[in-house]
N, C-alpha and C. Protein backbone atom coordinates (compact mmCIF):
# COMPACT_ATOMS: atom_id res chain seq x y z
N MET A 1 -176.49 -79.85 33.03
CA MET A 1 -177.98 -80.36 33.10
C MET A 1 -177.84 -81.90 32.02
N ASP A 2 -178.34 -82.71 33.03
CA ASP A 2 -178.42 -84.13 31.79
C ASP A 2 -179.68 -84.16 31.07
N ASN A 3 -179.46 -85.05 30.03
CA ASN A 3 -180.37 -85.28 29.11
C ASN A 3 -181.79 -85.70 29.71
N GLN A 4 -181.65 -86.38 30.77
CA GLN A 4 -183.21 -87.00 31.28
C GLN A 4 -183.97 -85.65 32.07
N PHE A 5 -183.16 -84.65 32.73
CA PHE A 5 -183.58 -83.65 33.12
C PHE A 5 -184.46 -82.70 31.99
N ILE A 6 -183.45 -82.40 31.07
CA ILE A 6 -184.11 -81.85 30.10
C ILE A 6 -185.49 -82.09 29.50
N PHE A 7 -185.30 -83.54 29.41
CA PHE A 7 -186.62 -84.24 28.51
C PHE A 7 -187.73 -83.88 29.52
N LYS A 8 -187.66 -84.31 30.96
CA LYS A 8 -188.58 -84.18 31.79
C LYS A 8 -189.15 -82.64 31.82
N TYR A 9 -188.21 -81.72 32.08
CA TYR A 9 -188.62 -80.54 32.34
C TYR A 9 -189.47 -80.04 30.98
N SER A 10 -188.63 -80.25 29.78
CA SER A 10 -189.33 -79.85 28.44
C SER A 10 -190.93 -80.35 28.46
N TRP A 11 -191.00 -81.90 28.69
CA TRP A 11 -192.45 -82.22 28.49
C TRP A 11 -193.39 -81.78 29.68
N GLU A 12 -192.89 -81.24 30.87
CA GLU A 12 -193.70 -80.69 31.75
C GLU A 12 -194.12 -79.22 31.65
N THR A 13 -193.29 -78.57 30.80
CA THR A 13 -193.33 -76.93 30.75
C THR A 13 -193.84 -76.56 29.36
N LEU A 14 -193.54 -77.35 28.35
CA LEU A 14 -194.02 -77.15 27.10
C LEU A 14 -195.65 -77.07 26.78
N PRO A 15 -196.00 -76.00 26.17
CA PRO A 15 -197.73 -75.95 25.83
C PRO A 15 -197.84 -77.24 25.04
N ILE A 16 -199.14 -77.95 25.65
CA ILE A 16 -199.47 -78.99 24.77
C ILE A 16 -199.51 -79.19 23.28
N SER A 17 -199.97 -78.05 22.94
CA SER A 17 -200.42 -77.86 21.42
C SER A 17 -198.84 -77.71 20.55
N TRP A 18 -197.97 -77.55 21.21
CA TRP A 18 -196.31 -77.40 20.53
C TRP A 18 -195.89 -78.78 20.29
N VAL A 19 -196.16 -79.68 20.86
CA VAL A 19 -195.34 -80.91 20.99
C VAL A 19 -196.29 -82.14 20.77
N LYS A 20 -196.38 -83.17 19.61
CA LYS A 20 -197.37 -83.77 19.16
C LYS A 20 -196.69 -85.20 20.12
N LYS A 21 -195.13 -85.30 19.96
CA LYS A 21 -194.87 -86.60 20.84
C LYS A 21 -193.16 -86.25 20.97
N MET A 22 -192.87 -86.80 22.32
CA MET A 22 -191.50 -86.72 22.41
C MET A 22 -191.07 -88.07 22.99
N GLU A 23 -189.84 -88.54 22.56
CA GLU A 23 -189.14 -89.80 22.81
C GLU A 23 -187.77 -89.35 23.50
N ARG A 24 -187.21 -90.03 24.16
CA ARG A 24 -185.85 -89.82 24.92
C ARG A 24 -185.29 -91.34 24.62
N SER A 25 -183.80 -91.02 24.43
CA SER A 25 -183.05 -92.33 24.31
C SER A 25 -181.79 -92.00 24.74
N GLU A 26 -180.80 -92.83 24.95
CA GLU A 26 -179.47 -92.83 25.50
C GLU A 26 -178.90 -91.87 24.70
N HIS A 27 -179.23 -91.46 23.41
CA HIS A 27 -178.41 -90.88 22.25
C HIS A 27 -178.94 -89.32 22.26
N GLY A 28 -180.24 -89.10 22.81
CA GLY A 28 -180.95 -87.94 22.76
C GLY A 28 -182.08 -87.87 22.82
N ASN A 29 -182.79 -86.53 22.59
CA ASN A 29 -184.04 -86.68 22.51
C ASN A 29 -184.79 -86.28 21.14
N ARG A 30 -186.10 -86.75 21.19
CA ARG A 30 -186.65 -86.63 19.84
C ARG A 30 -187.83 -85.76 20.15
N SER A 31 -188.35 -84.79 19.16
CA SER A 31 -189.73 -83.91 19.43
C SER A 31 -190.29 -83.94 18.23
N ASP A 32 -191.53 -84.23 18.24
CA ASP A 32 -192.40 -83.97 16.99
C ASP A 32 -193.25 -82.95 17.16
N THR A 33 -193.38 -81.81 16.10
CA THR A 33 -194.36 -80.83 16.18
C THR A 33 -194.74 -80.60 14.82
N ASN A 34 -195.75 -79.48 15.01
CA ASN A 34 -196.41 -79.12 13.72
C ASN A 34 -195.55 -77.95 13.31
N THR A 35 -195.61 -77.67 11.95
CA THR A 35 -194.85 -76.36 11.32
C THR A 35 -195.20 -75.00 12.18
N ASP A 36 -196.34 -75.11 12.43
CA ASP A 36 -196.99 -73.78 13.16
C ASP A 36 -196.12 -73.49 14.21
N TYR A 37 -195.59 -74.31 15.05
CA TYR A 37 -194.84 -74.55 16.34
C TYR A 37 -193.30 -74.56 16.15
N LEU A 38 -192.88 -74.87 15.25
CA LEU A 38 -191.49 -74.85 14.92
C LEU A 38 -190.48 -73.91 15.39
N PHE A 39 -190.63 -72.80 15.31
CA PHE A 39 -189.75 -71.71 15.62
C PHE A 39 -189.69 -71.49 16.98
N GLN A 40 -191.10 -71.20 17.86
CA GLN A 40 -191.28 -71.52 18.84
C GLN A 40 -190.80 -72.45 19.81
N LEU A 41 -190.94 -73.90 19.62
CA LEU A 41 -190.27 -74.88 20.03
C LEU A 41 -188.67 -74.81 20.14
N LEU A 42 -188.29 -74.42 18.55
CA LEU A 42 -186.48 -74.22 18.92
C LEU A 42 -186.32 -73.33 19.57
N CYS A 43 -186.94 -72.05 19.77
CA CYS A 43 -186.48 -70.63 20.70
C CYS A 43 -186.58 -71.51 22.27
N PHE A 44 -187.43 -71.94 22.38
CA PHE A 44 -187.57 -72.87 23.97
C PHE A 44 -186.51 -73.59 24.25
N LEU A 45 -186.48 -74.50 23.59
CA LEU A 45 -184.96 -75.42 23.84
C LEU A 45 -183.53 -74.47 23.59
N LYS A 46 -183.40 -73.54 22.82
CA LYS A 46 -182.13 -73.01 22.73
C LYS A 46 -182.34 -71.76 23.95
N PHE A 47 -183.15 -71.03 24.21
CA PHE A 47 -183.01 -69.88 25.24
C PHE A 47 -183.58 -69.97 26.28
N HIS A 48 -184.57 -70.95 26.96
CA HIS A 48 -185.16 -71.34 28.28
C HIS A 48 -183.84 -71.46 29.28
N THR A 49 -184.11 -71.18 30.28
CA THR A 49 -183.01 -71.15 31.55
C THR A 49 -182.66 -72.38 31.98
N TYR A 50 -183.49 -73.23 31.83
CA TYR A 50 -183.19 -74.82 32.14
C TYR A 50 -183.01 -75.89 31.09
N THR A 51 -183.10 -75.23 29.92
CA THR A 51 -182.61 -76.37 28.67
C THR A 51 -181.49 -75.98 28.04
N ARG A 52 -181.10 -74.75 27.61
CA ARG A 52 -179.92 -74.44 26.87
C ARG A 52 -179.35 -75.51 25.82
N VAL A 53 -180.25 -75.69 25.04
CA VAL A 53 -179.46 -76.96 24.09
C VAL A 53 -178.67 -76.18 23.21
N GLN A 54 -177.37 -76.88 23.25
CA GLN A 54 -176.63 -76.46 22.47
C GLN A 54 -176.11 -77.28 21.03
N VAL A 55 -176.78 -78.26 21.04
CA VAL A 55 -176.35 -78.71 19.62
C VAL A 55 -177.76 -79.53 19.28
N LEU A 56 -178.32 -79.03 17.91
CA LEU A 56 -179.33 -79.49 17.16
C LEU A 56 -178.92 -80.16 15.99
N ILE A 57 -179.37 -81.55 15.97
CA ILE A 57 -178.55 -82.40 14.95
C ILE A 57 -179.46 -82.53 13.59
N ASP A 58 -180.52 -82.66 13.51
CA ASP A 58 -181.25 -82.86 12.45
C ASP A 58 -182.76 -81.91 12.38
N ILE A 59 -183.35 -81.48 11.42
CA ILE A 59 -184.49 -81.02 11.18
C ILE A 59 -185.29 -81.69 10.32
N CYS A 60 -186.16 -82.37 10.50
CA CYS A 60 -186.69 -83.26 8.98
C CYS A 60 -187.88 -82.69 8.92
N GLY A 61 -188.36 -83.00 7.63
CA GLY A 61 -189.87 -82.80 7.24
C GLY A 61 -190.51 -83.64 6.07
N VAL A 62 -191.57 -83.94 6.00
CA VAL A 62 -192.31 -84.68 5.18
C VAL A 62 -193.51 -83.87 4.11
N ASP A 63 -193.11 -83.96 3.09
CA ASP A 63 -193.93 -83.18 2.13
C ASP A 63 -195.06 -84.37 1.34
N TYR A 64 -196.39 -83.86 1.79
CA TYR A 64 -197.28 -84.87 0.83
C TYR A 64 -197.96 -84.21 -0.50
N PRO A 65 -197.34 -83.94 -1.38
CA PRO A 65 -198.00 -83.35 -2.61
C PRO A 65 -199.45 -83.67 -2.91
N SER A 66 -199.78 -84.90 -2.75
CA SER A 66 -201.16 -85.07 -3.01
C SER A 66 -202.09 -84.59 -2.27
N ARG A 67 -201.67 -84.13 -1.13
CA ARG A 67 -202.56 -83.60 -0.20
C ARG A 67 -202.80 -81.86 -0.40
N LYS A 68 -203.98 -81.52 -0.12
CA LYS A 68 -204.27 -79.91 -0.52
C LYS A 68 -204.57 -79.11 0.72
């Protein structure tokens, strides 16, 4: 399956609360999520019948020490 299909299918299928933003480019897809849903999102992308993502390049995080 091509990158465009995976992007479109994921966007239509994922629960809205799991994904804040999704971007598609010629090099891959980018999904922004909350830490509460990171594991669920990764499991969906890895194990769902129509996505089956094989390569995950980066997981990035941001820490705001001044926030409580």
